[in-house]
Amino acid sequence: MPDPQWTLPEAAFVLDQPLDAIKRDVNRRPLKPEASGPSRRAVRCVGLTDLVYLDMVATYRHTLTPSALDDLYVAVAKEPAQSASVSVGPLIVHLKRHRTNVAQRLKALEAVDRAIEIKHGAPVVRGTDIEVHRLAALSAGGATDEEILEDYPSLTLAKIKAATAYARAHPKSGRPYPATSAKRAMQGADLTGLERFMRPRG
């Protein structure tokens, strides 16, 4: 059975780091991400050792030299899963702490994934037809949780949080959703010019 792999956006979620920072570290450090998926749509994925190492890089990037960070990856990859620490020159790195951090965040990712289901090829909040990336676009556009709940009263605060977290770990490809709901766009529109197109009553 192949080892689990995570995309770079999933890694950014797990490590609670910006996606650009993860991409930069993957490109600069000695990681060898694997390509997953059809050749035309292949995405780079990292394994568990890579996640643990990237968590270490975030902690020690200002302490260790680039060369020492590269040595750290080699050392981490050689250590058995039960090892509590790893040595890089005179520095002792607490490996167990970083493995625990990653394990806890992977559980958070699993919980987010369970809150979402796929309908008609699109991720939606489980038990609804509300598209996850539509909610994320509203949130990114400045809508508050309270405003989203007004527009989608069947949701809960927890479901909104799960939707935005899922969208962060699984970004939408292609055209983005609008950052304003149709309801709020209509509320903010100036409709006075429509009067001359409307048939008078009576």
Protein backbone atom coordinates (compact mmCIF):
# COMPACT_ATOMS: atom_id res chain seq x y z
CA MET A 1 0.00 0.00 0.00
CA PRO A 2 1.52 3.37 -1.02
CA ASP A 3 2.37 5.91 1.65
CA PRO A 4 -0.14 8.76 2.10
CA GLN A 5 0.52 11.88 0.07
CA TRP A 6 -0.77 15.43 0.45
CA THR A 7 -0.93 18.25 -2.09
CA LEU A 8 0.94 21.48 -1.39
CA PRO A 9 -2.31 23.35 -0.48
CA GLU A 10 -3.13 20.53 1.94
CA ALA A 11 0.39 20.79 3.35
CA ALA A 12 -0.08 24.55 3.81
CA PHE A 13 -3.29 23.87 5.74
CA VAL A 14 -1.71 21.15 7.88
CA LEU A 15 1.30 23.31 8.71
CA ASP A 16 -0.80 26.50 9.03
CA GLN A 17 1.51 28.36 6.68
CA PRO A 18 0.89 30.43 3.53
CA LEU A 19 0.87 28.35 0.37
CA ASP A 20 3.60 30.53 -1.16
CA ALA A 21 5.88 29.76 1.79
CA ILE A 22 5.33 26.01 1.35
CA LYS A 23 6.04 26.22 -2.38
CA ARG A 24 9.21 28.20 -1.70
CA ASP A 25 10.46 25.68 0.86
CA VAL A 26 9.65 22.73 -1.41
CA ASN A 27 11.60 24.37 -4.23
CA ARG A 28 14.60 25.38 -2.13
CA ARG A 29 15.00 22.42 0.20
CA PRO A 30 16.06 18.87 -0.78
CA LEU A 31 12.51 17.49 -0.86
CA LYS A 32 11.49 15.45 -3.85
CA PRO A 33 7.71 15.87 -4.15
CA GLU A 34 5.94 13.24 -6.22
CA ALA A 35 3.62 14.02 -9.10
CA SER A 36 0.11 12.66 -8.61
CA GLY A 37 -2.75 12.47 -11.09
CA PRO A 38 -2.95 12.42 -14.89
CA SER A 39 0.11 13.83 -16.64
CA ARG A 40 -1.64 16.97 -17.82
CA ARG A 41 -3.11 17.68 -14.41
CA ALA A 42 -0.40 16.22 -12.22
CA VAL A 43 0.07 18.01 -8.91
CA ARG A 44 3.04 17.88 -6.58
CA CYS A 45 2.49 15.93 -3.38
CA VAL A 46 4.56 15.43 -0.23
CA GLY A 47 4.70 12.59 2.29
CA LEU A 48 4.59 12.46 6.06
CA THR A 49 8.36 12.87 6.48
CA ASP A 50 8.20 15.95 4.27
CA LEU A 51 5.41 17.46 6.38
CA VAL A 52 7.38 16.92 9.58
CA TYR A 53 10.49 18.38 7.99
CA LEU A 54 8.61 21.44 6.69
CA ASP A 55 7.25 22.01 10.18
CA MET A 56 10.85 21.99 11.42
CA VAL A 57 11.95 24.41 8.71
CA ALA A 58 9.34 26.91 9.88
CA THR A 59 10.83 26.71 13.38
CA TYR A 60 14.54 26.68 12.54
CA ARG A 61 14.82 28.67 9.31
CA HIS A 62 16.29 31.64 11.24
CA THR A 63 18.48 29.44 13.46
CA LEU A 64 20.11 27.05 11.01
CA THR A 65 22.02 27.78 7.82
CA PRO A 66 20.55 26.57 4.51
CA SER A 67 23.15 23.80 4.48
CA ALA A 68 22.19 22.70 7.99
CA LEU A 69 18.52 22.69 7.01
CA ASP A 70 19.39 20.37 4.13
CA ASP A 71 21.29 18.11 6.55
CA LEU A 72 18.26 18.13 8.82
CA TYR A 73 16.11 16.63 6.06
CA VAL A 74 18.57 13.78 5.55
CA ALA A 75 18.67 13.14 9.31
CA VAL A 76 14.87 13.17 9.67
CA ALA A 77 14.43 10.79 6.73
CA LYS A 78 16.81 8.28 8.35
CA GLU A 79 15.26 8.33 11.82
CA PRO A 80 12.76 5.59 12.71
CA ALA A 81 9.22 6.69 13.60
CA GLN A 82 9.74 6.10 17.33
CA SER A 83 12.79 8.39 17.62
CA ALA A 84 12.21 11.33 19.95
CA SER A 85 14.96 13.60 18.61
CA VAL A 86 17.44 14.10 15.81
CA SER A 87 20.91 15.69 15.78
CA VAL A 88 22.23 18.26 13.33
CA GLY A 89 25.78 19.07 14.39
CA PRO A 90 25.61 20.21 18.01
CA LEU A 91 21.86 20.96 17.77
CA ILE A 92 19.34 18.45 19.15
CA VAL A 93 15.94 18.83 17.47
CA HIS A 94 12.89 17.44 19.25
CA LEU A 95 11.50 15.32 16.46
CA LYS A 96 8.59 13.95 18.50
CA ARG A 97 7.13 17.43 19.05
CA HIS A 98 7.00 18.15 15.34
CA ARG A 99 5.52 14.74 14.55
CA THR A 100 2.83 15.38 17.17
CA ASN A 101 2.08 18.82 15.70
CA VAL A 102 1.66 17.35 12.23
CA ALA A 103 -0.46 14.43 13.48
CA GLN A 104 -2.87 16.79 15.25
CA ARG A 105 -3.24 19.02 12.21
CA LEU A 106 -3.79 16.00 9.96
CA LYS A 107 -6.71 15.04 12.21
CA ALA A 108 -8.07 18.57 11.74
CA LEU A 109 -7.81 18.14 7.96
CA GLU A 110 -9.63 14.81 8.17
CA ALA A 111 -12.43 16.45 10.21
CA VAL A 112 -12.77 19.20 7.60
CA ASP A 113 -12.93 16.65 4.78
CA ARG A 114 -15.66 14.71 6.62
CA ALA A 115 -17.78 17.87 6.83
CA ILE A 116 -17.83 18.11 3.02
CA GLU A 117 -19.29 15.88 0.33
CA ILE A 118 -19.08 15.89 -3.46
CA LYS A 119 -22.29 16.48 -5.44
CA HIS A 120 -22.35 16.79 -9.21
CA GLY A 121 -18.57 17.05 -9.20
CA ALA A 122 -18.40 19.97 -6.76
CA PRO A 123 -17.67 20.02 -3.01
CA VAL A 124 -20.67 21.11 -0.93
CA VAL A 125 -21.38 21.39 2.77
CA ARG A 126 -22.50 17.92 3.83
CA GLY A 127 -26.29 17.60 3.88
CA THR A 128 -26.81 20.66 1.67
CA ASP A 129 -26.32 21.81 -1.91
CA ILE A 130 -24.31 24.86 -0.83
CA GLU A 131 -20.99 24.96 -2.65
CA VAL A 132 -17.92 25.24 -0.47
CA HIS A 133 -15.96 27.57 -2.73
CA ARG A 134 -18.93 29.95 -3.02
CA LEU A 135 -18.90 30.36 0.76
CA ALA A 136 -15.13 30.79 0.77
CA ALA A 137 -15.39 33.50 -1.90
CA LEU A 138 -17.98 35.38 0.16
CA SER A 139 -15.76 35.18 3.23
CA ALA A 140 -12.69 36.31 1.28
CA GLY A 141 -14.73 39.16 -0.15
CA GLY A 142 -15.37 40.55 3.32
CA ALA A 143 -18.70 38.97 4.24
CA THR A 144 -18.95 38.27 7.96
CA ASP A 145 -20.09 34.91 9.32
CA GLU A 146 -23.33 36.59 10.43
CA GLU A 147 -24.01 37.88 6.91
CA ILE A 148 -23.36 34.45 5.42
CA LEU A 149 -25.74 32.90 7.94
CA GLU A 150 -28.40 35.42 6.91
CA ASP A 151 -28.00 34.38 3.27
CA TYR A 152 -27.78 30.66 4.10
CA PRO A 153 -29.86 30.09 7.26
CA SER A 154 -29.51 26.30 6.96
CA LEU A 155 -25.82 26.61 7.82
CA THR A 156 -24.12 26.86 11.19
CA LEU A 157 -20.98 28.72 12.18
CA ALA A 158 -19.12 25.41 12.39
CA LYS A 159 -20.16 24.51 8.83
CA ILE A 160 -18.97 27.87 7.51
CA LYS A 161 -15.61 27.38 9.21
CA ALA A 162 -15.35 23.87 7.76
CA ALA A 163 -16.20 25.16 4.27
CA THR A 164 -13.58 27.93 4.31
CA ALA A 165 -10.98 25.54 5.73
CA TYR A 166 -11.75 22.97 3.02
CA ALA A 167 -11.44 25.63 0.33
CA ARG A 168 -8.03 26.59 1.69
CA ALA A 169 -6.83 22.99 1.59
CA HIS A 170 -8.49 22.32 -1.79
CA PRO A 171 -8.40 25.54 -3.86
CA LYS A 172 -10.83 25.82 -6.75
CA SER A 173 -9.35 25.77 -10.23
CA GLY A 174 -10.82 27.84 -13.02
CA ARG A 175 -13.11 30.83 -12.72
CA PRO A 176 -13.63 31.99 -9.13
CA TYR A 177 -17.03 32.53 -7.56
CA PRO A 178 -18.23 36.13 -7.06
CA ALA A 179 -17.30 37.69 -3.71
CA THR A 180 -20.87 38.93 -3.14
CA SER A 181 -24.05 36.88 -2.94
CA ALA A 182 -26.82 37.61 -5.45
CA LYS A 183 -29.09 38.66 -2.59
CA ARG A 184 -26.64 41.27 -1.31
CA ALA A 185 -25.79 42.43 -4.82
CA MET A 186 -29.48 43.14 -5.42
CA GLN A 187 -29.78 44.91 -2.08
CA GLY A 188 -26.92 47.21 -2.97
CA ALA A 189 -27.97 47.85 -6.56
CA ASP A 190 -29.50 51.11 -7.74
CA LEU A 191 -32.77 49.97 -9.35
CA THR A 192 -34.29 53.40 -9.96
CA GLY A 193 -33.38 53.24 -13.65
CA LEU A 194 -35.62 50.20 -14.10
CA GLU A 195 -38.82 52.17 -13.58
CA ARG A 196 -39.12 53.19 -17.23
CA PHE A 197 -38.92 49.54 -18.31
CA MET A 198 -41.65 48.32 -15.99
CA ARG A 199 -45.31 48.25 -17.02
CA PRO A 200 -47.50 50.30 -14.65
CA ARG A 201 -50.13 48.37 -12.72
CA GLY A 202 -53.88 48.99 -13.09
